[in-house]
């Protein structure tokens, strides 16, 4: 494993992880096809990136005949929490409230999202008592 933390993937690595988290185990071709729906990416570029991700410990590789199938070695929720903690610390001085206020003030929330937020606040208030 290189000096890069397994929970600090680059943007390109996160794109690949999202595809695998959403679809389950994938071949390089499957990942490349999905990446090409958003942005033109060469097969060899995707292959090399996935090989590097395997070396870093982000992906598990299984040989199936001549094809390699990759599975995420890091959990989506854990990765999101680490990245979110980093953003809160770096961009908002450790204040989760500032992050939430910025997010709610900058983006339109659906009534369903606002209701979920209210439920979360009620739950946190109950746990605090």
N, C-alpha and C. Protein backbone atom coordinates (compact mmCIF):
# COMPACT_ATOMS: atom_id res chain seq x y z
N UNK A 1 0.85 -1.18 0.00
CA UNK A 1 0.00 0.00 0.00
C UNK A 1 0.89 1.23 0.00
N UNK A 2 0.50 2.25 -0.71
CA UNK A 2 1.27 3.48 -0.79
C UNK A 2 0.99 4.34 0.44
N UNK A 3 1.58 5.54 0.47
CA UNK A 3 1.40 6.44 1.60
C UNK A 3 0.05 7.12 1.64
N UNK A 4 -0.79 6.89 0.65
CA UNK A 4 -2.11 7.52 0.61
C UNK A 4 -3.07 6.74 1.51
N UNK A 5 -3.81 7.45 2.32
CA UNK A 5 -4.78 6.82 3.21
C UNK A 5 -5.88 6.16 2.40
N UNK A 6 -6.29 4.94 2.77
CA UNK A 6 -7.34 4.27 2.02
C UNK A 6 -8.68 4.99 2.07
N UNK A 7 -8.84 5.91 2.99
CA UNK A 7 -10.10 6.62 3.09
C UNK A 7 -10.01 8.04 2.54
N UNK A 8 -9.02 8.29 1.68
CA UNK A 8 -8.88 9.60 1.05
C UNK A 8 -8.73 9.43 -0.46
N UNK A 9 -9.73 8.83 -1.07
CA UNK A 9 -9.65 8.65 -2.53
C UNK A 9 -9.74 9.98 -3.27
N UNK A 10 -9.12 10.02 -4.44
CA UNK A 10 -9.20 11.20 -5.31
C UNK A 10 -10.60 11.27 -5.91
N UNK A 11 -10.89 12.36 -6.60
CA UNK A 11 -12.20 12.52 -7.25
C UNK A 11 -12.44 11.41 -8.27
N UNK A 12 -11.42 11.08 -9.07
CA UNK A 12 -11.57 10.01 -10.07
C UNK A 12 -11.79 8.67 -9.40
N UNK A 13 -11.10 8.43 -8.29
CA UNK A 13 -11.28 7.18 -7.56
C UNK A 13 -12.68 7.12 -6.95
N UNK A 14 -13.17 8.24 -6.47
CA UNK A 14 -14.54 8.28 -5.93
C UNK A 14 -15.57 7.98 -7.01
N UNK A 15 -15.33 8.46 -8.24
CA UNK A 15 -16.24 8.15 -9.34
C UNK A 15 -16.33 6.64 -9.55
N UNK A 16 -15.20 5.98 -9.51
CA UNK A 16 -15.17 4.52 -9.69
C UNK A 16 -15.81 3.82 -8.50
N UNK A 17 -15.49 4.26 -7.30
CA UNK A 17 -16.10 3.65 -6.12
C UNK A 17 -17.61 3.79 -6.13
N UNK A 18 -18.13 4.97 -6.53
CA UNK A 18 -19.59 5.16 -6.59
C UNK A 18 -20.24 4.14 -7.52
N UNK A 19 -19.60 3.89 -8.65
CA UNK A 19 -20.14 2.92 -9.61
C UNK A 19 -20.17 1.53 -8.99
N UNK A 20 -19.10 1.15 -8.33
CA UNK A 20 -19.03 -0.18 -7.72
C UNK A 20 -19.96 -0.28 -6.52
N UNK A 21 -20.05 0.77 -5.72
CA UNK A 21 -20.99 0.75 -4.59
C UNK A 21 -22.42 0.61 -5.09
N UNK A 22 -22.74 1.25 -6.18
CA UNK A 22 -24.11 1.22 -6.71
C UNK A 22 -24.42 -0.11 -7.40
N UNK A 23 -23.46 -0.64 -8.17
CA UNK A 23 -23.73 -1.81 -9.01
C UNK A 23 -23.20 -3.12 -8.46
N UNK A 24 -22.37 -3.08 -7.44
CA UNK A 24 -21.74 -4.30 -6.95
C UNK A 24 -20.50 -4.60 -7.78
N UNK A 25 -19.96 -5.82 -7.65
CA UNK A 25 -18.73 -6.18 -8.36
C UNK A 25 -18.82 -5.89 -9.86
N UNK A 26 -17.76 -5.29 -10.41
CA UNK A 26 -17.75 -4.87 -11.81
C UNK A 26 -16.41 -5.20 -12.47
N UNK A 27 -16.46 -5.43 -13.76
CA UNK A 27 -15.24 -5.53 -14.55
C UNK A 27 -14.79 -4.12 -14.92
N UNK A 28 -13.57 -4.01 -15.41
CA UNK A 28 -13.06 -2.72 -15.88
C UNK A 28 -13.96 -2.19 -16.99
N UNK A 29 -14.37 -3.07 -17.90
CA UNK A 29 -15.23 -2.65 -19.02
C UNK A 29 -16.54 -2.06 -18.51
N UNK A 30 -17.16 -2.70 -17.51
CA UNK A 30 -18.41 -2.19 -16.97
C UNK A 30 -18.22 -0.80 -16.34
N UNK A 31 -17.14 -0.64 -15.58
CA UNK A 31 -16.86 0.65 -14.96
C UNK A 31 -16.59 1.70 -16.03
N UNK A 32 -15.78 1.33 -17.03
CA UNK A 32 -15.44 2.27 -18.09
C UNK A 32 -16.69 2.70 -18.87
N UNK A 33 -17.56 1.75 -19.16
CA UNK A 33 -18.80 2.08 -19.88
C UNK A 33 -19.64 3.08 -19.08
N UNK A 34 -19.71 2.88 -17.77
CA UNK A 34 -20.49 3.78 -16.92
C UNK A 34 -19.83 5.16 -16.84
N UNK A 35 -18.51 5.19 -16.71
CA UNK A 35 -17.80 6.47 -16.68
C UNK A 35 -18.03 7.25 -17.98
N UNK A 36 -18.06 6.54 -19.11
CA UNK A 36 -18.23 7.19 -20.41
C UNK A 36 -19.62 7.79 -20.60
N UNK A 37 -20.57 7.42 -19.78
CA UNK A 37 -21.89 8.04 -19.85
C UNK A 37 -21.83 9.48 -19.36
N UNK A 38 -20.85 9.78 -18.50
CA UNK A 38 -20.72 11.12 -17.93
C UNK A 38 -19.61 11.92 -18.60
N UNK A 39 -18.48 11.24 -18.86
CA UNK A 39 -17.30 11.92 -19.39
C UNK A 39 -16.45 10.91 -20.15
N UNK A 40 -15.98 11.28 -21.31
CA UNK A 40 -15.17 10.38 -22.13
C UNK A 40 -13.90 9.97 -21.38
N UNK A 41 -13.75 8.65 -21.17
CA UNK A 41 -12.61 8.10 -20.45
C UNK A 41 -12.11 6.88 -21.21
N UNK A 42 -10.82 6.83 -21.47
CA UNK A 42 -10.24 5.69 -22.17
C UNK A 42 -10.20 4.45 -21.31
N UNK A 43 -10.35 3.30 -21.95
CA UNK A 43 -10.34 2.02 -21.23
C UNK A 43 -9.04 1.84 -20.46
N UNK A 44 -7.91 2.13 -21.09
CA UNK A 44 -6.62 1.92 -20.42
C UNK A 44 -6.45 2.85 -19.23
N UNK A 45 -7.04 4.03 -19.31
CA UNK A 45 -7.00 4.96 -18.16
C UNK A 45 -7.77 4.37 -16.99
N UNK A 46 -8.96 3.85 -17.28
CA UNK A 46 -9.78 3.22 -16.23
C UNK A 46 -9.06 2.01 -15.66
N UNK A 47 -8.48 1.18 -16.53
CA UNK A 47 -7.76 -0.01 -16.09
C UNK A 47 -6.62 0.37 -15.15
N UNK A 48 -5.81 1.33 -15.54
CA UNK A 48 -4.66 1.73 -14.73
C UNK A 48 -5.12 2.30 -13.39
N UNK A 49 -6.14 3.12 -13.41
CA UNK A 49 -6.65 3.70 -12.17
C UNK A 49 -7.17 2.62 -11.22
N UNK A 50 -7.87 1.63 -11.78
CA UNK A 50 -8.39 0.55 -10.93
C UNK A 50 -7.26 -0.32 -10.40
N UNK A 51 -6.20 -0.50 -11.16
CA UNK A 51 -5.04 -1.25 -10.68
C UNK A 51 -4.38 -0.50 -9.51
N UNK A 52 -4.26 0.80 -9.65
CA UNK A 52 -3.69 1.62 -8.57
C UNK A 52 -4.58 1.56 -7.33
N UNK A 53 -5.90 1.62 -7.55
CA UNK A 53 -6.83 1.55 -6.42
C UNK A 53 -6.73 0.20 -5.71
N UNK A 54 -6.48 -0.85 -6.48
CA UNK A 54 -6.26 -2.18 -5.88
C UNK A 54 -5.00 -2.17 -5.02
N UNK A 55 -3.93 -1.56 -5.53
CA UNK A 55 -2.68 -1.47 -4.78
C UNK A 55 -2.85 -0.65 -3.50
N UNK A 56 -3.67 0.39 -3.55
CA UNK A 56 -3.92 1.24 -2.38
C UNK A 56 -4.82 0.57 -1.35
N UNK A 57 -5.51 -0.49 -1.76
CA UNK A 57 -6.42 -1.16 -0.85
C UNK A 57 -7.85 -0.69 -0.95
N UNK A 58 -8.17 0.11 -2.00
CA UNK A 58 -9.54 0.59 -2.20
C UNK A 58 -10.42 -0.49 -2.82
N UNK A 59 -9.82 -1.34 -3.66
CA UNK A 59 -10.57 -2.36 -4.39
C UNK A 59 -9.97 -3.74 -4.15
N UNK A 60 -10.84 -4.73 -4.22
CA UNK A 60 -10.43 -6.14 -4.18
C UNK A 60 -10.60 -6.67 -5.60
N UNK A 61 -9.59 -7.39 -6.10
CA UNK A 61 -9.63 -7.90 -7.46
C UNK A 61 -9.72 -9.42 -7.44
N UNK A 62 -10.65 -9.94 -8.22
CA UNK A 62 -10.84 -11.39 -8.35
C UNK A 62 -10.74 -11.75 -9.83
N UNK A 63 -9.94 -12.76 -10.13
CA UNK A 63 -9.80 -13.19 -11.51
C UNK A 63 -10.89 -14.19 -11.85
N UNK A 64 -11.57 -13.92 -12.94
CA UNK A 64 -12.60 -14.83 -13.45
C UNK A 64 -12.24 -15.10 -14.90
N UNK A 65 -11.45 -16.14 -15.10
CA UNK A 65 -10.94 -16.41 -16.43
C UNK A 65 -9.95 -15.34 -16.81
N UNK A 66 -10.16 -14.72 -17.96
CA UNK A 66 -9.28 -13.64 -18.40
C UNK A 66 -9.74 -12.28 -17.88
N UNK A 67 -10.88 -12.25 -17.24
CA UNK A 67 -11.45 -10.99 -16.77
C UNK A 67 -11.18 -10.81 -15.28
N UNK A 68 -10.92 -9.58 -14.89
CA UNK A 68 -10.80 -9.23 -13.48
C UNK A 68 -12.08 -8.53 -13.04
N UNK A 69 -12.59 -8.95 -11.91
CA UNK A 69 -13.80 -8.34 -11.34
C UNK A 69 -13.38 -7.65 -10.05
N UNK A 70 -13.80 -6.39 -9.92
CA UNK A 70 -13.40 -5.58 -8.77
C UNK A 70 -14.59 -5.34 -7.84
N UNK A 71 -14.29 -5.39 -6.55
CA UNK A 71 -15.26 -5.12 -5.49
C UNK A 71 -14.67 -4.03 -4.60
N UNK A 72 -15.50 -3.18 -4.05
CA UNK A 72 -15.02 -2.14 -3.14
C UNK A 72 -14.49 -2.79 -1.86
N UNK A 73 -13.31 -2.36 -1.44
CA UNK A 73 -12.71 -2.86 -0.20
C UNK A 73 -12.99 -1.90 0.96
N UNK A 74 -13.52 -0.73 0.64
CA UNK A 74 -13.86 0.25 1.67
C UNK A 74 -15.36 0.54 1.58
N UNK A 75 -15.96 0.70 2.75
CA UNK A 75 -17.41 0.90 2.80
C UNK A 75 -17.77 2.34 2.44
N UNK A 76 -18.88 2.47 1.76
CA UNK A 76 -19.38 3.78 1.33
C UNK A 76 -19.59 4.71 2.51
N UNK A 77 -20.31 4.24 3.54
CA UNK A 77 -20.66 5.09 4.68
C UNK A 77 -19.41 5.54 5.42
N UNK A 78 -18.46 4.64 5.62
CA UNK A 78 -17.23 4.99 6.33
C UNK A 78 -16.44 6.04 5.54
N UNK A 79 -16.36 5.86 4.23
CA UNK A 79 -15.65 6.81 3.38
C UNK A 79 -16.33 8.17 3.42
N UNK A 80 -17.65 8.18 3.31
CA UNK A 80 -18.39 9.44 3.36
C UNK A 80 -18.17 10.16 4.69
N UNK A 81 -18.19 9.41 5.79
CA UNK A 81 -17.99 10.02 7.11
C UNK A 81 -16.60 10.63 7.24
N UNK A 82 -15.58 9.93 6.77
CA UNK A 82 -14.21 10.45 6.85
C UNK A 82 -14.09 11.72 6.01
N UNK A 83 -14.62 11.68 4.78
CA UNK A 83 -14.53 12.85 3.91
C UNK A 83 -15.33 14.03 4.47
N UNK A 84 -16.49 13.73 5.03
CA UNK A 84 -17.31 14.79 5.62
C UNK A 84 -16.62 15.41 6.83
N UNK A 85 -16.04 14.57 7.69
CA UNK A 85 -15.30 15.08 8.84
C UNK A 85 -14.18 16.01 8.40
N UNK A 86 -13.51 15.63 7.33
CA UNK A 86 -12.41 16.45 6.81
C UNK A 86 -12.92 17.81 6.31
N UNK A 87 -14.05 17.79 5.59
CA UNK A 87 -14.64 19.03 5.10
C UNK A 87 -15.08 19.92 6.26
N UNK A 88 -15.73 19.34 7.26
CA UNK A 88 -16.18 20.12 8.41
C UNK A 88 -14.99 20.77 9.10
N UNK A 89 -13.91 20.01 9.29
CA UNK A 89 -12.72 20.56 9.94
C UNK A 89 -12.04 21.63 9.10
N UNK A 90 -11.80 21.33 7.83
CA UNK A 90 -11.02 22.23 6.97
C UNK A 90 -11.80 23.47 6.53
N UNK A 91 -13.04 23.28 6.12
CA UNK A 91 -13.80 24.38 5.52
C UNK A 91 -14.70 25.12 6.52
N UNK A 92 -15.10 24.45 7.61
CA UNK A 92 -16.06 25.06 8.52
C UNK A 92 -15.55 25.13 9.96
N UNK A 93 -14.23 25.01 10.12
CA UNK A 93 -13.63 25.16 11.45
C UNK A 93 -14.17 24.21 12.49
N UNK A 94 -14.62 23.04 12.06
CA UNK A 94 -15.14 22.04 12.99
C UNK A 94 -16.62 22.18 13.31
N UNK A 95 -17.30 23.15 12.72
CA UNK A 95 -18.71 23.39 13.03
C UNK A 95 -19.62 22.70 12.03
N UNK A 96 -20.25 21.62 12.48
CA UNK A 96 -21.22 20.92 11.63
C UNK A 96 -22.43 21.82 11.35
N UNK A 97 -22.76 22.69 12.32
CA UNK A 97 -23.89 23.60 12.14
C UNK A 97 -23.64 24.56 10.98
N UNK A 98 -22.42 25.07 10.87
CA UNK A 98 -22.10 25.97 9.76
C UNK A 98 -22.23 25.24 8.43
N UNK A 99 -21.81 23.99 8.39
CA UNK A 99 -21.95 23.18 7.18
C UNK A 99 -23.42 23.03 6.80
N UNK A 100 -24.25 22.67 7.76
CA UNK A 100 -25.68 22.47 7.51
C UNK A 100 -26.34 23.77 7.07
N UNK A 101 -26.02 24.86 7.74
CA UNK A 101 -26.60 26.15 7.38
C UNK A 101 -26.19 26.56 5.97
N UNK A 102 -24.94 26.34 5.62
CA UNK A 102 -24.46 26.66 4.28
C UNK A 102 -25.17 25.80 3.24
N UNK A 103 -25.27 24.51 3.52
CA UNK A 103 -25.92 23.59 2.58
C UNK A 103 -27.39 23.94 2.39
N UNK A 104 -28.09 24.21 3.47
CA UNK A 104 -29.52 24.54 3.37
C UNK A 104 -29.74 25.91 2.73
N UNK A 105 -28.83 26.83 2.97
CA UNK A 105 -28.97 28.16 2.40
C UNK A 105 -28.59 28.24 0.93
N UNK A 106 -27.74 27.32 0.48
CA UNK A 106 -27.23 27.37 -0.90
C UNK A 106 -27.99 26.46 -1.86
N UNK A 107 -28.70 25.49 -1.33
CA UNK A 107 -29.37 24.51 -2.20
C UNK A 107 -30.83 24.37 -1.79
N UNK A 108 -31.66 24.19 -2.78
CA UNK A 108 -33.10 24.02 -2.53
C UNK A 108 -33.36 22.60 -2.01
N UNK A 109 -33.99 22.50 -0.86
CA UNK A 109 -34.33 21.22 -0.27
C UNK A 109 -35.77 20.87 -0.59
N UNK A 110 -36.03 19.57 -0.76
CA UNK A 110 -37.40 19.13 -1.00
C UNK A 110 -38.14 19.07 0.34
N UNK A 111 -39.46 19.10 0.31
CA UNK A 111 -40.22 18.96 1.57
C UNK A 111 -39.88 17.64 2.28
N UNK A 112 -39.61 16.59 1.53
CA UNK A 112 -39.26 15.30 2.13
C UNK A 112 -37.92 15.39 2.86
N UNK A 113 -36.95 16.07 2.25
CA UNK A 113 -35.65 16.24 2.89
C UNK A 113 -35.77 17.06 4.16
N UNK A 114 -36.56 18.11 4.11
CA UNK A 114 -36.76 18.95 5.30
C UNK A 114 -37.44 18.16 6.42
N UNK A 115 -38.39 17.31 6.05
CA UNK A 115 -39.06 16.49 7.06
C UNK A 115 -38.07 15.51 7.70
N UNK A 116 -37.22 14.92 6.90
CA UNK A 116 -36.19 14.01 7.44
C UNK A 116 -35.25 14.77 8.38
N UNK A 117 -34.92 15.98 8.02
CA UNK A 117 -34.06 16.80 8.87
C UNK A 117 -34.75 17.09 10.20
N UNK A 118 -36.05 17.41 10.16
CA UNK A 118 -36.81 17.65 11.39
C UNK A 118 -36.84 16.40 12.27
N UNK A 119 -37.02 15.24 11.62
CA UNK A 119 -37.02 13.98 12.37
C UNK A 119 -35.67 13.74 13.04
N UNK A 120 -34.60 14.03 12.32
CA UNK A 120 -33.26 13.87 12.89
C UNK A 120 -33.06 14.79 14.08
N UNK A 121 -33.52 16.03 13.97
CA UNK A 121 -33.39 16.99 15.08
C UNK A 121 -34.18 16.50 16.29
N UNK A 122 -35.41 16.02 16.07
CA UNK A 122 -36.22 15.49 17.17
C UNK A 122 -35.51 14.31 17.84
N UNK A 123 -34.95 13.44 17.04
CA UNK A 123 -34.25 12.26 17.57
C UNK A 123 -33.03 12.69 18.39
N UNK A 124 -32.27 13.63 17.89
CA UNK A 124 -31.09 14.11 18.62
C UNK A 124 -31.47 14.80 19.91
N UNK A 125 -32.58 15.55 19.90
CA UNK A 125 -33.06 16.21 21.12
C UNK A 125 -33.48 15.18 22.16
N UNK A 126 -34.15 14.12 21.71
CA UNK A 126 -34.58 13.07 22.64
C UNK A 126 -33.40 12.34 23.24
N UNK A 127 -32.38 12.09 22.44
CA UNK A 127 -31.18 11.39 22.94
C UNK A 127 -30.41 12.25 23.92
N UNK A 128 -30.49 13.57 23.75
CA UNK A 128 -29.77 14.49 24.61
C UNK A 128 -30.41 14.67 25.98
N UNK A 129 -31.67 14.27 26.13
CA UNK A 129 -32.40 14.46 27.39
C UNK A 129 -32.22 13.28 28.32
